[in-house]
Amino acid sequence: MKLIALSSTALLCAIAFVGFDAESSVEAQPRAAKPGTKVVLGQSQFGRILFNAGSQAIYMFDIETSKKPQCYGACAKAWPPVYAKGKPRLGPGLKRSLLGTTRRSDGRAQITYGGHPLYYYAHEGPDQVLCHNVVEFGGTWLALRRSGKPVPPHG
């Protein structure tokens, strides 16, 4: 039997995912962004990072080296894209020059910041940041700072 060492963050993330039934817990998933989705700075155990206006933590996927999203299918169910149907808005302290959008394969607009397509973790609630530095779907998921750079893997 192969044993895998998990950080406490990865373990919490894994527990949240394993205990979640996507079919019966639709309300636990973040809703698709409304027009004018707002990205804000919020305080976390990793310092100030990006959240939406409803205090849902926002992540980037490190295998995405351009604005082109790579997270589809099961990946996008666990890590829903931060969608926008209109012009995204920023909270105080964020840089307008880093904000943008990209088109997904279905034609929907996904918000980017610092050139990174943005995602939520479907199994986190408001003000929770349980899945920073989690390796899943072939890459590492990282919270983002105001600079558009990821929080270092170990905080």
Protein backbone atom coordinates (compact mmCIF):
# COMPACT_ATOMS: atom_id res chain seq x y z
CA MET A 1 0.00 0.00 0.00
CA LYS A 2 1.31 3.44 -0.92
CA LEU A 3 1.02 6.18 1.74
CA ILE A 4 0.65 9.79 0.71
CA ALA A 5 1.67 12.65 2.99
CA LEU A 6 -0.78 15.54 2.89
CA SER A 7 -0.41 18.99 4.41
CA SER A 8 -3.18 19.95 6.79
CA THR A 9 -4.55 22.29 4.10
CA ALA A 10 -4.56 19.55 1.48
CA LEU A 11 -6.19 17.19 3.96
CA LEU A 12 -8.98 19.67 4.73
CA CYS A 13 -9.47 20.24 1.01
CA ALA A 14 -9.55 16.50 0.36
CA ILE A 15 -12.01 15.92 3.20
CA ALA A 16 -14.27 18.67 1.89
CA PHE A 17 -14.19 17.14 -1.59
CA VAL A 18 -14.72 13.51 -0.51
CA GLY A 19 -17.63 14.43 1.75
CA PHE A 20 -19.38 16.44 -0.94
CA ASP A 21 -22.15 15.10 -3.16
CA ALA A 22 -22.39 17.45 -6.15
CA GLU A 23 -25.83 16.12 -7.14
CA SER A 24 -27.49 16.78 -3.79
CA SER A 25 -25.58 19.88 -2.71
CA VAL A 26 -26.03 22.33 -5.54
CA GLU A 27 -26.36 25.23 -3.10
CA ALA A 28 -22.83 24.54 -1.78
CA GLN A 29 -21.32 25.41 -5.15
CA PRO A 30 -20.53 29.04 -5.88
CA ARG A 31 -23.08 30.61 -8.16
CA ALA A 32 -22.06 31.78 -11.60
CA ALA A 33 -21.00 35.39 -11.43
CA LYS A 34 -23.61 38.05 -12.08
CA PRO A 35 -22.91 40.85 -14.54
CA GLY A 36 -20.34 43.13 -13.05
CA THR A 37 -18.78 40.44 -10.85
CA LYS A 38 -16.68 42.15 -8.23
CA VAL A 39 -13.22 40.96 -7.22
CA VAL A 40 -12.03 42.28 -3.86
CA LEU A 41 -9.16 41.94 -1.42
CA GLY A 42 -9.85 40.09 1.78
CA GLN A 43 -7.86 38.99 4.79
CA SER A 44 -6.88 35.33 5.12
CA GLN A 45 -4.34 33.18 6.92
CA PHE A 46 -2.10 33.89 3.88
CA GLY A 47 -2.43 37.68 4.13
CA ARG A 48 -4.56 39.75 1.77
CA ILE A 49 -5.78 37.70 -1.21
CA LEU A 50 -8.49 37.85 -3.87
CA PHE A 51 -12.11 37.03 -3.03
CA ASN A 52 -15.42 37.77 -4.70
CA ALA A 53 -17.85 40.23 -3.12
CA GLY A 54 -19.51 37.31 -1.29
CA SER A 55 -16.20 36.42 0.44
CA GLN A 56 -15.54 33.32 -1.70
CA ALA A 57 -11.77 32.77 -2.09
CA ILE A 58 -10.40 32.93 -5.63
CA TYR A 59 -7.58 30.74 -6.95
CA MET A 60 -5.34 30.30 -9.99
CA PHE A 61 -4.22 27.01 -11.55
CA ASP A 62 -0.43 26.92 -12.01
CA ILE A 63 -0.44 24.81 -15.19
CA GLU A 64 -2.21 27.65 -17.00
CA THR A 65 0.72 29.66 -18.35
CA SER A 66 -1.48 31.96 -20.43
CA LYS A 67 -5.02 33.32 -20.29
CA LYS A 68 -6.25 30.13 -21.98
CA PRO A 69 -8.16 27.99 -19.44
CA GLN A 70 -7.13 24.33 -19.04
CA CYS A 71 -9.69 23.35 -16.39
CA TYR A 72 -12.75 21.65 -17.91
CA GLY A 73 -15.03 18.69 -17.09
CA ALA A 74 -14.46 17.19 -13.63
CA CYS A 75 -11.84 19.87 -12.96
CA ALA A 76 -14.34 22.70 -13.58
CA LYS A 77 -16.91 20.97 -11.35
CA ALA A 78 -14.47 20.96 -8.43
CA TRP A 79 -12.95 24.34 -9.39
CA PRO A 80 -15.71 26.42 -11.03
CA PRO A 81 -14.50 29.31 -13.18
CA VAL A 82 -15.19 32.85 -12.01
CA TYR A 83 -17.59 33.90 -14.79
CA ALA A 84 -18.59 37.39 -15.86
CA LYS A 85 -21.44 38.38 -18.18
CA GLY A 86 -20.47 42.03 -18.12
CA LYS A 87 -17.52 44.18 -17.24
CA PRO A 88 -15.88 42.88 -14.04
CA ARG A 89 -15.46 45.31 -11.17
CA LEU A 90 -12.64 45.70 -8.66
CA GLY A 91 -12.63 46.55 -5.00
CA PRO A 92 -10.26 49.10 -3.48
CA GLY A 93 -6.56 48.31 -3.67
CA LEU A 94 -6.69 46.13 -6.79
CA LYS A 95 -5.10 47.09 -10.12
CA ARG A 96 -7.42 47.71 -13.07
CA SER A 97 -4.52 47.00 -15.46
CA LEU A 98 -4.38 43.39 -14.18
CA LEU A 99 -8.11 42.69 -14.65
CA GLY A 100 -9.43 41.05 -17.81
CA THR A 101 -11.47 38.24 -19.26
CA THR A 102 -10.86 35.23 -21.47
CA ARG A 103 -13.26 33.07 -23.46
CA ARG A 104 -13.82 29.46 -22.44
CA SER A 105 -14.52 26.75 -25.02
CA ASP A 106 -18.29 27.22 -24.44
CA GLY A 107 -17.99 30.93 -25.25
CA ARG A 108 -18.55 32.15 -21.68
CA ALA A 109 -16.32 34.91 -20.33
CA GLN A 110 -14.05 33.97 -17.43
CA ILE A 111 -12.40 36.67 -15.32
CA THR A 112 -8.61 36.88 -15.30
CA TYR A 113 -6.31 38.78 -12.98
CA GLY A 114 -2.61 39.18 -13.66
CA GLY A 115 -3.13 37.03 -16.77
CA HIS A 116 -4.46 34.09 -14.73
CA PRO A 117 -7.94 32.63 -15.31
CA LEU A 118 -9.73 32.70 -11.94
CA TYR A 119 -11.52 29.86 -10.12
CA TYR A 120 -13.34 29.08 -6.87
CA TYR A 121 -13.11 25.84 -4.96
CA ALA A 122 -16.66 24.44 -5.05
CA HIS A 123 -16.55 23.03 -1.53
CA GLU A 124 -15.51 26.11 0.43
CA GLY A 125 -17.80 28.55 2.15
CA PRO A 126 -17.43 32.30 2.58
CA ASP A 127 -14.16 33.37 4.22
CA GLN A 128 -12.67 29.87 3.91
CA VAL A 129 -9.29 29.33 2.25
CA LEU A 130 -8.80 25.59 2.60
CA CYS A 131 -7.27 24.67 -0.73
CA HIS A 132 -4.24 26.91 -1.25
CA ASN A 133 -1.26 24.83 -2.45
CA VAL A 134 -3.40 21.81 -3.27
CA VAL A 135 -2.23 19.57 -6.12
CA GLU A 136 -5.19 18.35 -8.13
CA PHE A 137 -6.01 17.79 -11.82
CA GLY A 138 -2.36 17.89 -12.83
CA GLY A 139 -1.42 21.20 -11.25
CA THR A 140 -1.30 23.26 -8.08
CA TRP A 141 -4.07 25.61 -6.99
CA LEU A 142 -2.85 28.85 -5.42
CA ALA A 143 -4.49 31.91 -3.88
CA LEU A 144 -3.62 35.24 -5.53
CA ARG A 145 -2.22 38.45 -4.10
CA ARG A 146 -3.17 41.98 -5.20
CA SER A 147 -0.05 42.02 -7.40
CA GLY A 148 -1.51 39.20 -9.53
CA LYS A 149 1.21 36.86 -8.26
CA PRO A 150 0.31 33.67 -6.40
CA VAL A 151 0.79 33.32 -2.69
CA PRO A 152 3.95 31.20 -2.30
CA PRO A 153 3.09 27.50 -1.90
CA HIS A 154 3.82 27.51 1.81
CA GLY A 155 2.09 30.79 2.58
